[in-house]
Protein backbone atom coordinates (compact mmCIF):
# COMPACT_ATOMS: atom_id res chain seq x y z
CA MET A 1 -114.12 -36.16 -15.64
CA GLU A 2 -110.73 -37.39 -14.62
CA GLU A 3 -111.08 -40.96 -14.98
CA ILE A 4 -112.45 -41.11 -17.89
CA ILE A 5 -109.35 -38.59 -19.60
CA LEU A 6 -107.28 -41.99 -17.40
CA HIS A 7 -108.84 -44.59 -19.49
CA TYR A 8 -108.56 -42.89 -22.73
CA PHE A 9 -104.96 -41.47 -23.15
CA TRP A 10 -104.22 -45.24 -20.95
CA LEU A 11 -106.52 -47.28 -23.94
CA ILE A 12 -104.72 -44.43 -26.96
CA PHE A 13 -101.43 -44.05 -25.52
CA GLY A 14 -101.21 -47.47 -25.67
CA SER A 15 -102.98 -48.52 -28.63
CA LEU A 16 -100.81 -46.13 -30.65
CA LEU A 17 -97.93 -48.42 -28.80
CA ILE A 18 -99.03 -51.42 -30.77
CA LEU A 19 -99.88 -49.41 -33.97
CA ASP A 20 -96.13 -48.90 -34.19
CA SER A 21 -95.16 -51.77 -33.61
CA LEU A 22 -97.05 -53.11 -36.49
CA PHE A 23 -96.16 -50.75 -38.93
CA ALA A 24 -92.55 -51.71 -38.20
CA SER A 25 -93.22 -55.27 -38.61
CA ARG A 26 -93.98 -54.07 -42.38
CA ILE A 27 -90.64 -52.70 -43.38
CA SER A 28 -88.48 -53.87 -41.28
CA ASN A 29 -87.62 -56.69 -39.77
CA LEU A 30 -89.81 -59.05 -37.27
CA ASN A 31 -86.89 -57.53 -33.63
CA LEU A 32 -86.77 -56.32 -30.79
CA GLY A 33 -86.98 -53.05 -31.45
CA VAL A 34 -89.94 -54.01 -33.49
CA LEU A 35 -91.76 -55.21 -30.49
CA LEU A 36 -90.65 -53.29 -27.55
CA PRO A 37 -93.48 -50.73 -28.57
CA ALA A 38 -95.77 -53.22 -28.41
CA LEU A 39 -95.47 -55.14 -25.40
CA LEU A 40 -95.62 -51.70 -23.92
CA GLY A 41 -98.50 -50.54 -25.45
CA VAL A 42 -100.50 -53.68 -24.03
CA PRO A 43 -100.52 -53.20 -20.64
CA MET A 44 -101.16 -49.74 -20.39
CA ALA A 45 -104.69 -50.48 -23.33
CA CYS A 46 -105.54 -53.43 -21.16
CA TYR A 47 -105.81 -50.49 -18.18
CA GLY A 48 -107.28 -48.45 -20.29
CA ILE A 49 -110.82 -51.32 -21.08
CA LEU A 50 -110.08 -51.61 -17.13
CA LEU A 51 -110.69 -49.36 -15.98
CA TRP A 52 -113.46 -47.88 -18.34
CA GLN A 53 -115.43 -51.02 -18.06
CA THR A 54 -114.81 -53.13 -15.47
CA PRO A 55 -112.88 -50.08 -12.70
CA GLU A 56 -114.12 -52.05 -9.18
CA ILE A 57 -111.54 -55.03 -10.12
CA LEU A 58 -108.70 -52.27 -10.25
CA ALA A 59 -110.04 -51.66 -6.79
CA SER A 60 -108.75 -54.65 -5.01
CA SER A 61 -105.38 -54.20 -2.39
CA LEU A 62 -104.04 -56.99 -5.30
CA MET A 63 -104.58 -55.08 -8.72
CA ARG A 64 -103.83 -51.84 -6.91
CA CYS A 65 -100.46 -53.68 -5.91
CA VAL A 66 -99.80 -54.36 -9.80
CA VAL A 67 -100.67 -51.38 -10.86
CA THR A 68 -98.08 -49.60 -8.52
CA VAL A 69 -95.82 -52.11 -9.23
CA CYS A 70 -96.41 -51.59 -13.03
CA VAL A 71 -96.42 -47.81 -12.58
CA VAL A 72 -92.80 -47.60 -11.29
CA GLY A 73 -91.54 -49.81 -13.96
CA TYR A 74 -92.87 -47.24 -16.79
CA ALA A 75 -91.41 -44.66 -15.22
CA GLY A 76 -87.52 -45.91 -14.83
CA ILE A 77 -87.86 -47.69 -18.76
CA ALA A 78 -89.25 -43.17 -19.08
CA LEU A 79 -86.52 -42.37 -17.78
CA MET A 80 -83.54 -44.92 -19.10
CA LEU A 81 -84.45 -43.46 -23.03
CA LEU A 82 -84.49 -40.07 -21.73
CA PHE A 83 -81.11 -40.53 -20.36
CA CYS A 84 -80.33 -42.90 -23.89
CA ILE A 85 -81.70 -40.55 -26.10
CA CYS A 86 -79.56 -37.91 -24.78
CA ILE A 87 -76.06 -39.53 -23.74
CA THR A 88 -76.38 -40.93 -27.73
CA VAL A 89 -78.12 -37.25 -29.31
CA THR A 90 -74.97 -35.61 -27.14
CA TYR A 91 -72.14 -38.22 -28.69
CA ALA A 92 -73.78 -37.54 -32.14
CA LEU A 93 -73.58 -34.04 -32.42
CA SER A 94 -70.62 -34.14 -31.30
CA CYS A 95 -67.98 -36.57 -33.47
CA LYS A 96 -65.67 -35.32 -35.98
CA HIS A 97 -65.42 -35.79 -40.13
CA ILE A 98 -62.40 -36.58 -40.32
CA GLN A 99 -59.72 -38.23 -43.35
CA ALA A 100 -60.25 -41.91 -42.87
CA ASP A 101 -57.27 -44.19 -43.93
CA VAL A 102 -59.87 -47.23 -43.03
CA ILE A 103 -63.99 -46.73 -43.61
CA ILE A 104 -65.84 -49.02 -41.48
CA VAL A 105 -69.70 -50.23 -41.38
CA LEU A 106 -71.83 -51.67 -38.89
CA GLY A 107 -74.05 -53.88 -40.28
CA ALA A 108 -78.26 -53.21 -39.50
CA GLY A 109 -80.30 -56.22 -40.82
CA LEU A 110 -81.51 -57.36 -44.98
CA ARG A 111 -84.73 -57.45 -46.49
CA GLY A 112 -84.16 -60.94 -48.68
CA GLU A 113 -80.33 -60.36 -50.32
CA ARG A 114 -80.46 -57.00 -50.27
CA PRO A 115 -79.73 -53.96 -47.62
CA SER A 116 -82.36 -52.64 -45.26
CA ARG A 117 -82.92 -48.96 -45.38
CA ILE A 118 -80.83 -48.57 -43.43
CA LEU A 119 -77.57 -50.38 -44.05
CA ARG A 120 -78.48 -48.59 -47.60
CA MET A 121 -78.10 -44.78 -45.54
CA ARG A 122 -74.73 -46.13 -43.85
CA LEU A 123 -73.32 -47.57 -47.43
CA ASN A 124 -75.07 -44.26 -48.80
CA ALA A 125 -72.90 -42.58 -45.90
CA ALA A 126 -69.18 -44.73 -45.97
CA ILE A 127 -69.58 -43.80 -50.25
CA GLN A 128 -69.92 -40.03 -49.63
CA ALA A 129 -66.78 -40.75 -47.19
CA ALA A 130 -64.74 -42.85 -49.01
CA LYS A 131 -65.61 -40.00 -52.47
CA GLN A 132 -62.30 -38.28 -50.36
CA SER A 133 -59.94 -41.19 -51.02
CA ARG A 134 -59.78 -42.99 -53.72
CA LYS A 135 -58.07 -45.25 -51.58
CA VAL A 136 -59.22 -45.32 -48.61
CA PRO A 137 -60.93 -48.94 -48.02
CA ILE A 138 -64.09 -49.80 -47.20
CA LEU A 139 -64.59 -52.87 -44.63
CA VAL A 140 -67.97 -54.39 -44.55
CA THR A 141 -69.15 -56.35 -40.73
CA GLY A 142 -72.16 -58.12 -41.03
CA GLY A 143 -72.45 -62.14 -40.57
CA LYS A 144 -75.79 -64.21 -41.44
CA GLY A 145 -78.43 -63.36 -39.09
CA ARG A 146 -81.55 -65.67 -38.14
CA ASN A 147 -84.25 -65.32 -41.57
CA GLU A 148 -81.73 -63.70 -44.04
CA LEU A 149 -80.34 -65.61 -47.05
CA ILE A 150 -77.03 -64.64 -47.38
CA PRO A 151 -74.08 -62.86 -44.85
CA GLU A 152 -75.02 -59.45 -44.15
CA ALA A 153 -71.22 -58.57 -45.50
CA GLU A 154 -71.81 -59.85 -49.16
CA ALA A 155 -75.25 -57.83 -49.26
CA MET A 156 -73.38 -54.89 -48.81
CA GLN A 157 -70.67 -56.23 -50.85
CA ARG A 158 -72.23 -56.42 -53.80
CA TYR A 159 -74.68 -52.84 -52.93
CA LEU A 160 -71.21 -51.28 -53.06
CA LEU A 161 -70.46 -53.15 -56.22
CA GLN A 162 -73.48 -51.60 -58.00
CA GLN A 163 -72.53 -48.30 -57.06
CA GLY A 164 -69.22 -47.58 -58.61
CA ILE A 165 -66.68 -48.68 -56.02
CA GLU A 166 -63.73 -50.80 -57.14
CA PRO A 167 -63.92 -53.97 -56.24
CA GLY A 168 -60.26 -54.04 -55.10
CA ARG A 169 -61.06 -51.62 -52.30
CA ILE A 170 -63.88 -53.45 -50.64
CA ILE A 171 -62.71 -55.68 -47.48
CA LYS A 172 -65.35 -58.37 -46.27
CA GLU A 173 -66.28 -59.81 -42.33
CA GLU A 174 -68.62 -62.43 -42.83
CA LYS A 175 -69.54 -63.50 -39.17
CA ALA A 176 -69.87 -60.76 -36.52
CA CYS A 177 -73.92 -61.66 -35.15
CA ASN A 178 -73.48 -58.25 -32.73
CA THR A 179 -71.74 -54.65 -32.47
CA TYR A 180 -69.41 -56.01 -30.11
CA GLU A 181 -68.56 -58.42 -32.38
CA ASN A 182 -69.08 -56.44 -35.83
CA LEU A 183 -65.40 -54.50 -33.55
CA LYS A 184 -64.20 -57.50 -32.97
CA PHE A 185 -63.53 -59.19 -35.06
CA SER A 186 -62.55 -56.01 -37.87
CA HIS A 187 -60.11 -55.14 -35.83
CA ALA A 188 -58.83 -58.78 -36.65
CA LEU A 189 -58.74 -58.51 -39.66
CA LEU A 190 -57.27 -54.81 -40.41
CA GLN A 191 -54.59 -56.15 -38.22
CA LYS A 192 -53.90 -58.68 -40.34
CA ASP A 193 -53.46 -56.43 -43.13
CA LYS A 194 -51.60 -54.01 -41.08
CA LYS A 195 -53.35 -51.25 -40.93
CA VAL A 196 -55.00 -51.10 -37.56
CA GLU A 197 -52.77 -48.79 -37.11
CA GLY A 198 -54.18 -45.88 -39.52
CA LYS A 199 -56.38 -43.53 -37.91
CA ILE A 200 -60.79 -45.18 -38.33
CA LEU A 201 -63.50 -44.26 -39.86
CA ILE A 202 -67.13 -46.06 -38.87
CA VAL A 203 -70.75 -45.41 -39.94
CA THR A 204 -73.09 -46.35 -38.29
CA SER A 205 -76.42 -44.71 -37.29
CA ASP A 206 -76.64 -42.01 -35.29
CA PHE A 207 -78.49 -43.36 -31.95
CA HIS A 208 -75.91 -46.39 -32.04
CA CYS A 209 -73.39 -44.39 -32.15
CA PHE A 210 -72.44 -43.69 -28.39
CA ARG A 211 -72.73 -47.49 -27.95
CA ALA A 212 -70.23 -48.49 -30.76
CA ALA A 213 -68.19 -45.36 -29.62
CA GLN A 214 -67.16 -47.25 -26.10
CA ILE A 215 -67.10 -50.69 -27.88
CA ALA A 216 -64.34 -49.64 -30.43
CA LYS A 217 -61.87 -47.59 -27.66
CA LYS A 218 -61.52 -51.71 -26.22
CA PHE A 219 -59.65 -52.34 -29.68
CA PHE A 220 -58.82 -48.73 -32.04
CA SER A 221 -56.88 -46.40 -30.72
CA ASP A 222 -57.27 -43.21 -33.46
CA PHE A 223 -61.15 -43.57 -34.63
CA SER A 224 -63.91 -41.22 -35.00
CA LEU A 225 -67.84 -42.08 -35.65
CA ARG A 226 -70.49 -41.50 -38.77
CA PRO A 227 -73.32 -40.70 -37.66
CA VAL A 228 -76.58 -41.11 -40.36
CA PRO A 229 -79.75 -39.60 -40.11
CA SER A 230 -81.83 -42.59 -38.79
CA ALA A 231 -86.06 -42.83 -40.54
CA TRP A 232 -88.27 -40.47 -37.71
CA TYR A 233 -90.84 -42.84 -38.01
CA MET A 234 -88.97 -45.25 -36.54
CA TRP A 235 -86.78 -43.30 -34.27
CA PRO A 236 -89.56 -44.92 -30.94
CA ASN A 237 -88.11 -48.84 -31.71
CA PHE A 238 -84.74 -47.43 -32.23
CA TYR A 239 -84.26 -45.84 -28.57
CA LEU A 240 -86.18 -48.59 -26.75
CA ARG A 241 -84.23 -51.07 -28.24
CA GLU A 242 -80.79 -49.41 -28.24
CA THR A 243 -81.50 -48.42 -24.91
CA LEU A 244 -81.90 -52.27 -23.61
CA SER A 245 -78.39 -52.72 -25.67
CA ILE A 246 -76.95 -49.27 -23.47
CA ALA A 247 -77.97 -50.63 -19.69
CA ASN A 248 -76.98 -54.34 -20.64
CA TYR A 249 -73.50 -52.94 -22.24
CA TYR A 250 -73.04 -51.66 -18.83
CA ARG A 251 -74.65 -54.97 -17.24
CA LEU A 252 -71.67 -56.86 -18.57
CA GLU A 253 -69.16 -54.24 -18.10
CA LEU A 254 -70.22 -53.93 -14.49
CA PHE A 255 -70.42 -58.17 -13.58
CA GLN A 256 -67.37 -59.20 -16.00
CA LYS A 257 -64.73 -56.42 -13.59
C-alpha cells in the first residue's frame, strides 16, 4: 500500500511540475524560471513510473545510489527554496514608501514590442508613485534581450507615454541585460544628470526586491524598494528562478572578495 501511494505521489507531483512549465510557457517568454519546474518534474515522474511498472530496476545498487543522490539534491533545493521565500517575503513586507526624487523601474521582458504582464504591473506601480509629484523623473532600464525585437526600455517608455506621462520625465537606459547592470547603468545616468544624491525609489516585483536591494547598496546610499505583487499562479516559476539567482549572487560575492 505504501509503495502504491509513493509511486502515485512522485508521478502526480512530477506531472504537475511539468504542466506548470507548459502553462507558464504559454503566458510568458521562455526562460529558466519557466523551464525549472519541468526540469525538476521529469525525474520525479520517471521515478514514479519505474516504481510502478518495473520496481526491480530500482533494486540494483547503482539505481539506489542514483535515487539517494537525487533525494539529497531535491532536499537541498527545497531548503534553499524555503530560505529564499522567507527572506524575499520578509524583505518585501519591510519596504517603506518614500517621497522619491527619482523612480527607477527594472525591466522584466517583452511580448513582441509590448511590456510583459509583470513589466506592466511594475510600470503601473511607478505611475502611481509618480503621481505624488509631477516633477519626479522615471528612469526605465532594460536592454534588448534574446528574441526581443526592441530594447525593454523603449517599450517601457512607449507604455508610460500611452498612460499620460510627460516625455520630459522619462529617462531611458537601454544597455542593461541583468539586475546588476540595470542598477549600475542607471547610477551612471543619474550621476551624469547630477540626480544621484536624491532619494531613489526602485520599482520591481516582490520576489525580486531582496536581491535588487543587495545590489543597489553598491551604487545608492539613499534608496527604497517598491514591491509589486506578482501573479500567484507564477510563484513556483518566479521563486525557483530567484532561488538560483540569489545563490549565484552570493557565489559571485564570495569569490570576488
